């Protein structure tokens, strides 16, 4: 299993490549079904399954004001795709030159020249090339010139993938981590670096690690308190997580992500960590005093521990 970046790595000559292409943000169970079809086909023809994906997200590149937020930053997405059993992932830098390729050049110079696919698995509504002018009909017209097989993903499966992506995005945005887990079989993950905060938490017995996201364009769950795990190097530590503007202790309106790690007293500034979001505990509220906040945090901590121990 390997990851290649087009333009940076020379692609090897793959055996009977079975390819598909897309953004695959969120890598949910709808995507996994498609990957399973690729693996079946690769096994049938003694071939190699290859997922082609793009970075940055095409919509972010083509319309920087689109407001598209990622469910899975690139490194996470690659990890999840490879863990599904796909042989290789090829990352295509989505830049001006690639976006300018005509549909015909996309087929000739990109798909055929780079991959020589045995089989392309693609949806009936997949569009590619400049102004999205390429489609499955164009691919079919090239089948004599370039002898690849074409497998069309059924409309019902495509519909399921599209609905799942929308539903997953909505679930995470609303803090509905149970639904998100059911759709991905993973806990939603945020990754970042521990930075200095205002250190008020430590004065009431709840020091926190403030986390600056590695991927600023990742979708953050709704404001509130969550149970979860913080991974530091090889340690996976129970914690409760607060996402919000901290109205009791701050006048700023910027969103912060902070984790209180249970039974932990080390300084970990500048460390890279990841947060697994397990369950939503409560919405963020403003308290009349630090004492009132501390009393609620005592309750939250017990709730979080119970939630983690019940998994």
Protein backbone atom coordinates (compact mmCIF):
# COMPACT_ATOMS: atom_id res chain seq x y z
CA UNK A 1 0.00 0.00 0.00
CA UNK A 2 1.38 3.39 -0.95
CA UNK A 3 0.43 7.02 -1.45
CA UNK A 4 1.72 8.86 -4.52
CA UNK A 5 1.46 12.55 -5.31
CA UNK A 6 1.18 13.31 -9.02
CA UNK A 7 4.03 15.57 -10.09
CA UNK A 8 6.16 14.69 -7.06
CA UNK A 9 6.37 10.91 -7.45
CA UNK A 10 6.94 8.89 -10.61
CA UNK A 11 4.03 6.50 -10.74
CA UNK A 12 4.99 2.83 -11.14
CA UNK A 13 3.51 0.67 -13.86
CA UNK A 14 0.50 -0.80 -12.07
CA UNK A 15 -0.82 -4.29 -12.81
CA UNK A 16 -4.31 -4.07 -14.35
CA UNK A 17 -5.25 -0.84 -12.54
CA UNK A 18 -8.83 -0.57 -11.29
CA UNK A 19 -9.35 3.15 -10.74
CA UNK A 20 -11.94 5.54 -9.42
CA UNK A 21 -11.66 9.25 -8.72
CA UNK A 22 -13.30 11.73 -6.38
CA UNK A 23 -12.88 13.85 -3.29
CA UNK A 24 -14.13 11.14 -0.85
CA UNK A 25 -14.32 13.65 1.99
CA UNK A 26 -15.47 11.94 5.20
CA UNK A 27 -14.72 8.42 3.87
CA UNK A 28 -18.12 7.12 5.02
CA UNK A 29 -19.68 3.68 4.51
CA UNK A 30 -21.06 4.69 1.10
CA UNK A 31 -17.49 5.26 -0.07
CA UNK A 32 -16.39 1.99 1.54
CA UNK A 33 -18.98 0.08 -0.52
CA UNK A 34 -17.47 1.58 -3.67
CA UNK A 35 -13.95 0.66 -2.51
CA UNK A 36 -15.14 -2.89 -1.82
CA UNK A 37 -16.40 -3.11 -5.43
CA UNK A 38 -12.97 -1.97 -6.62
CA UNK A 39 -11.25 -4.61 -4.49
CA UNK A 40 -13.56 -7.33 -5.84
CA UNK A 41 -12.81 -6.28 -9.40
CA UNK A 42 -9.06 -6.10 -8.73
CA UNK A 43 -9.12 -9.61 -7.28
CA UNK A 44 -11.10 -10.89 -10.27
CA UNK A 45 -8.55 -9.63 -12.82
CA UNK A 46 -5.46 -9.91 -10.60
CA UNK A 47 -5.25 -6.15 -10.68
CA UNK A 48 -4.47 -3.20 -8.45
CA UNK A 49 -7.08 -0.97 -6.81
CA UNK A 50 -6.23 2.73 -7.02
CA UNK A 51 -8.22 5.63 -5.60
CA UNK A 52 -7.45 9.00 -7.19
CA UNK A 53 -8.28 11.99 -5.03
CA UNK A 54 -7.66 15.73 -5.16
CA UNK A 55 -6.03 18.28 -2.90
CA UNK A 56 -7.17 20.90 -2.20
CA UNK A 57 -10.88 20.15 -2.46
CA UNK A 58 -11.84 21.27 -6.01
CA UNK A 59 -14.65 23.47 -4.73
CA UNK A 60 -12.29 25.22 -2.32
CA UNK A 61 -9.89 25.90 -5.19
CA UNK A 62 -12.44 26.98 -7.80
CA UNK A 63 -14.43 29.12 -5.36
CA UNK A 64 -12.42 30.17 -2.29
CA UNK A 65 -15.58 31.81 -0.89
CA UNK A 66 -17.65 28.61 -1.16
CA UNK A 67 -17.43 28.01 2.57
CA UNK A 68 -16.70 24.30 1.99
CA UNK A 69 -15.25 22.79 5.16
CA UNK A 70 -13.48 19.43 5.26
CA UNK A 71 -14.59 16.42 7.26
CA UNK A 72 -11.24 14.73 6.75
CA UNK A 73 -8.00 16.67 6.21
CA UNK A 74 -5.80 15.04 3.58
CA UNK A 75 -3.61 12.93 5.89
CA UNK A 76 -6.67 11.54 7.68
CA UNK A 77 -8.45 10.80 4.42
CA UNK A 78 -5.46 8.93 3.00
CA UNK A 79 -5.16 6.89 6.19
CA UNK A 80 -8.85 5.94 6.13
CA UNK A 81 -8.79 4.98 2.42
CA UNK A 82 -5.74 2.74 2.84
CA UNK A 83 -7.24 1.15 5.95
CA UNK A 84 -10.25 0.16 3.83
CA UNK A 85 -7.92 -2.22 1.95
CA UNK A 86 -7.35 -0.17 -1.21
CA UNK A 87 -3.90 -0.88 -2.69
CA UNK A 88 -2.80 2.66 -3.56
CA UNK A 89 -3.96 6.27 -3.39
CA UNK A 90 -2.82 8.90 -5.86
CA UNK A 91 -3.17 12.52 -4.77
CA UNK A 92 -3.63 14.97 -7.63
CA UNK A 93 -2.74 18.58 -6.79
CA UNK A 94 -5.84 20.48 -7.89
CA UNK A 95 -4.26 23.61 -9.35
CA UNK A 96 -4.82 26.00 -12.24
CA UNK A 97 -3.09 23.74 -14.77
CA UNK A 98 -5.12 20.67 -13.78
CA UNK A 99 -8.38 22.62 -13.62
CA UNK A 100 -7.68 23.96 -17.12
CA UNK A 101 -7.37 20.51 -18.75
CA UNK A 102 -10.02 20.00 -21.40
CA UNK A 103 -12.19 16.92 -20.96
CA UNK A 104 -10.40 15.28 -23.89
CA UNK A 105 -6.94 16.05 -22.44
CA UNK A 106 -8.16 14.76 -19.06
CA UNK A 107 -8.85 11.38 -20.63
CA UNK A 108 -5.75 11.23 -22.85
CA UNK A 109 -3.07 12.96 -20.77
CA UNK A 110 -4.29 12.20 -17.28
CA UNK A 111 -6.33 9.02 -17.10
CA UNK A 112 -4.74 7.03 -19.91
CA UNK A 113 -1.17 8.33 -19.94
CA UNK A 114 -0.75 8.22 -16.18
CA UNK A 115 -2.64 5.04 -15.31
CA UNK A 116 -3.39 2.88 -18.37
CA UNK A 117 -6.45 1.60 -16.48
CA UNK A 118 -7.84 -1.86 -16.95
CA UNK A 119 -11.15 -0.64 -15.52
CA UNK A 120 -12.61 2.73 -14.56
CA UNK A 121 -15.39 2.68 -11.99
CA UNK A 122 -17.40 5.87 -12.22
CA UNK A 123 -20.84 7.32 -11.60
CA UNK A 124 -23.23 8.18 -14.43
CA UNK A 125 -23.23 11.81 -13.28
CA UNK A 126 -19.46 12.20 -12.82
CA UNK A 127 -18.09 15.26 -14.62
CA UNK A 128 -14.47 16.15 -15.23
CA UNK A 129 -12.21 18.48 -17.18
CA UNK A 130 -12.45 22.22 -17.72
CA UNK A 131 -15.94 23.53 -16.99
CA UNK A 132 -16.88 19.93 -16.07
CA UNK A 133 -17.50 19.15 -19.75
CA UNK A 134 -16.40 15.52 -19.58
CA UNK A 135 -18.83 12.76 -18.58
CA UNK A 136 -19.35 9.02 -18.83
CA UNK A 137 -20.54 9.33 -22.44
CA UNK A 138 -17.18 10.87 -23.39
CA UNK A 139 -15.33 8.04 -21.64
CA UNK A 140 -17.43 5.50 -23.56
CA UNK A 141 -16.47 7.19 -26.83
CA UNK A 142 -12.78 6.58 -26.05
CA UNK A 143 -13.13 2.87 -25.36
CA UNK A 144 -11.91 1.81 -28.80
CA UNK A 145 -8.91 4.13 -28.74
CA UNK A 146 -8.02 3.27 -25.14
CA UNK A 147 -9.12 -0.27 -24.31
CA UNK A 148 -10.30 0.18 -20.76
CA UNK A 149 -13.40 -1.34 -19.21
CA UNK A 150 -16.02 0.96 -17.77
CA UNK A 151 -18.17 0.06 -14.78
CA UNK A 152 -20.98 2.46 -14.02
CA UNK A 153 -21.90 2.91 -10.37
CA UNK A 154 -25.67 2.37 -10.07
CA UNK A 155 -27.77 5.48 -9.49
CA UNK A 156 -29.10 4.02 -6.24
CA UNK A 157 -25.58 3.61 -4.85
CA UNK A 158 -24.55 7.07 -6.03
CA UNK A 159 -27.62 8.53 -4.42
CA UNK A 160 -26.77 6.73 -1.20
CA UNK A 161 -23.23 8.18 -1.27
CA UNK A 162 -24.51 11.73 -1.90
CA UNK A 163 -27.18 11.49 0.80
CA UNK A 164 -24.65 10.02 3.22
CA UNK A 165 -22.17 12.86 2.63
CA UNK A 166 -24.85 15.48 3.30
CA UNK A 167 -26.18 13.62 6.33
CA UNK A 168 -22.70 13.10 7.77
CA UNK A 169 -21.82 16.78 7.38
CA UNK A 170 -25.10 17.78 9.07
CA UNK A 171 -24.60 15.29 11.93
CA UNK A 172 -21.13 16.57 12.75
CA UNK A 173 -22.15 20.22 12.45
CA UNK A 174 -24.95 19.53 14.95
CA UNK A 175 -22.76 17.54 17.34
CA UNK A 176 -24.67 14.34 16.59
CA UNK A 177 -21.63 12.11 16.99
CA UNK A 178 -23.68 8.93 17.35
CA UNK A 179 -25.06 9.29 13.81
CA UNK A 180 -21.61 10.25 12.50
CA UNK A 181 -20.12 7.11 14.07
CA UNK A 182 -22.83 4.91 12.54
CA UNK A 183 -22.04 6.32 9.11
CA UNK A 184 -18.25 6.05 9.29
CA UNK A 185 -17.57 3.42 12.00
CA UNK A 186 -15.05 5.93 13.41
CA UNK A 187 -15.12 8.71 15.97
CA UNK A 188 -14.79 12.17 14.46
CA UNK A 189 -11.22 13.40 14.77
CA UNK A 190 -9.69 16.85 15.13
CA UNK A 191 -5.92 17.28 14.96
CA UNK A 192 -3.76 20.20 15.98
CA UNK A 193 -1.01 21.71 18.11
CA UNK A 194 -1.30 22.62 21.80
CA UNK A 195 -0.95 26.39 22.24
CA UNK A 196 -1.05 28.69 25.28
CA UNK A 197 -4.49 29.84 26.40
CA UNK A 198 -5.53 32.29 29.11
CA UNK A 199 -4.86 29.62 31.79
CA UNK A 200 -8.03 30.41 33.75
CA UNK A 201 -9.03 26.72 33.82
CA UNK A 202 -6.12 25.78 36.06
CA UNK A 203 -7.30 28.30 38.70
CA UNK A 204 -10.51 26.26 39.20
CA UNK A 205 -8.93 22.83 38.97
CA UNK A 206 -9.62 22.27 35.26
CA UNK A 207 -6.48 23.05 33.27
CA UNK A 208 -6.98 22.61 29.54
CA UNK A 209 -4.90 22.01 26.46
CA UNK A 210 -5.87 24.64 23.90
CA UNK A 211 -5.66 23.19 20.42
CA UNK A 212 -4.99 25.08 17.22
CA UNK A 213 -6.20 22.96 14.31
CA UNK A 214 -3.67 21.78 11.75
CA UNK A 215 -6.37 22.15 9.07
CA UNK A 216 -8.15 25.49 9.61
CA UNK A 217 -10.79 24.56 7.01
CA UNK A 218 -12.00 21.48 8.91
CA UNK A 219 -15.63 21.36 10.02
CA UNK A 220 -15.87 21.87 13.79
CA UNK A 221 -18.80 20.31 15.66
CA UNK A 222 -21.31 22.65 17.26
CA UNK A 223 -20.34 24.56 20.38
CA UNK A 224 -20.59 22.59 23.60
CA UNK A 225 -18.95 20.07 25.90
CA UNK A 226 -18.02 16.58 24.71
CA UNK A 227 -16.41 13.43 26.02
CA UNK A 228 -13.47 12.05 24.10
CA UNK A 229 -9.86 10.95 23.94
CA UNK A 230 -6.73 12.99 23.36
CA UNK A 231 -3.86 11.14 21.72
CA UNK A 232 -0.37 12.43 22.55
CA UNK A 233 2.40 10.46 20.84
CA UNK A 234 1.39 6.88 21.71
CA UNK A 235 -0.76 7.81 24.74
CA UNK A 236 -4.55 7.80 24.44
CA UNK A 237 -5.93 9.84 27.31
CA UNK A 238 -9.51 10.30 28.53
CA UNK A 239 -10.69 13.89 28.41
CA UNK A 240 -13.60 16.24 28.14
CA UNK A 241 -13.56 18.73 25.30
CA UNK A 242 -15.02 22.22 25.12
CA UNK A 243 -15.72 23.86 21.78
CA UNK A 244 -16.91 27.44 21.93
CA UNK A 245 -16.32 31.06 22.80
CA UNK A 246 -16.07 30.47 26.59
CA UNK A 247 -18.57 33.21 27.48
CA UNK A 248 -17.91 32.97 31.24
CA UNK A 249 -14.18 33.74 30.99
CA UNK A 250 -13.69 35.51 27.64
CA UNK A 251 -15.08 38.52 25.83
CA UNK A 252 -13.75 37.35 22.46
CA UNK A 253 -16.07 35.69 19.96
CA UNK A 254 -13.50 33.39 18.36
CA UNK A 255 -14.07 29.65 18.65
CA UNK A 256 -11.58 27.77 20.80
CA UNK A 257 -11.08 24.03 21.15
CA UNK A 258 -9.75 22.90 24.51
CA UNK A 259 -9.44 19.58 26.27
CA UNK A 260 -9.23 18.85 29.99
CA UNK A 261 -7.30 15.58 30.34
CA UNK A 262 -8.32 13.59 33.40
CA UNK A 263 -5.61 12.82 35.98
CA UNK A 264 -2.91 14.61 33.99
CA UNK A 265 -0.54 17.37 35.07
CA UNK A 266 2.20 17.60 32.44
CA UNK A 267 2.97 20.63 30.29
CA UNK A 268 2.48 19.74 26.62
CA UNK A 269 2.72 23.07 24.75
CA UNK A 270 3.72 22.75 21.07
CA UNK A 271 2.82 19.05 21.04
CA UNK A 272 0.82 17.69 18.12
CA UNK A 273 -2.29 15.92 19.37
CA UNK A 274 -5.52 14.47 18.04
CA UNK A 275 -8.97 14.52 19.60
CA UNK A 276 -11.49 11.73 19.12
CA UNK A 277 -14.95 13.15 19.73
CA UNK A 278 -17.12 10.55 21.50
CA UNK A 279 -20.35 12.07 22.78
CA UNK A 280 -22.08 15.41 23.20
CA UNK A 281 -22.67 16.33 26.85
CA UNK A 282 -24.25 19.78 26.82
CA UNK A 283 -24.43 23.09 24.96
CA UNK A 284 -22.17 25.97 25.93
CA UNK A 285 -23.73 28.38 28.41
CA UNK A 286 -22.60 31.47 30.32
CA UNK A 287 -22.29 31.13 34.10
CA UNK A 288 -22.70 33.88 36.68
CA UNK A 289 -19.34 33.12 38.30
CA UNK A 290 -16.25 30.93 38.12
CA UNK A 291 -17.64 28.98 41.10
CA UNK A 292 -20.81 28.17 39.18
CA UNK A 293 -18.69 27.15 36.18
CA UNK A 294 -16.56 24.88 38.38
CA UNK A 295 -19.65 23.20 39.86
CA UNK A 296 -20.94 22.45 36.34
CA UNK A 297 -17.52 21.20 35.22
CA UNK A 298 -17.53 18.74 38.15
CA UNK A 299 -20.82 17.35 36.81
CA UNK A 300 -19.55 17.40 33.21
CA UNK A 301 -16.41 15.48 34.17
CA UNK A 302 -18.43 12.68 35.76
CA UNK A 303 -20.76 12.58 32.77
CA UNK A 304 -17.82 12.40 30.38
CA UNK A 305 -16.10 9.61 32.33
CA UNK A 306 -19.30 7.61 32.47
CA UNK A 307 -19.83 8.06 28.73
CA UNK A 308 -16.31 6.88 27.94
CA UNK A 309 -16.50 3.90 30.27
CA UNK A 310 -19.82 2.79 28.78
CA UNK A 311 -18.28 2.36 25.30
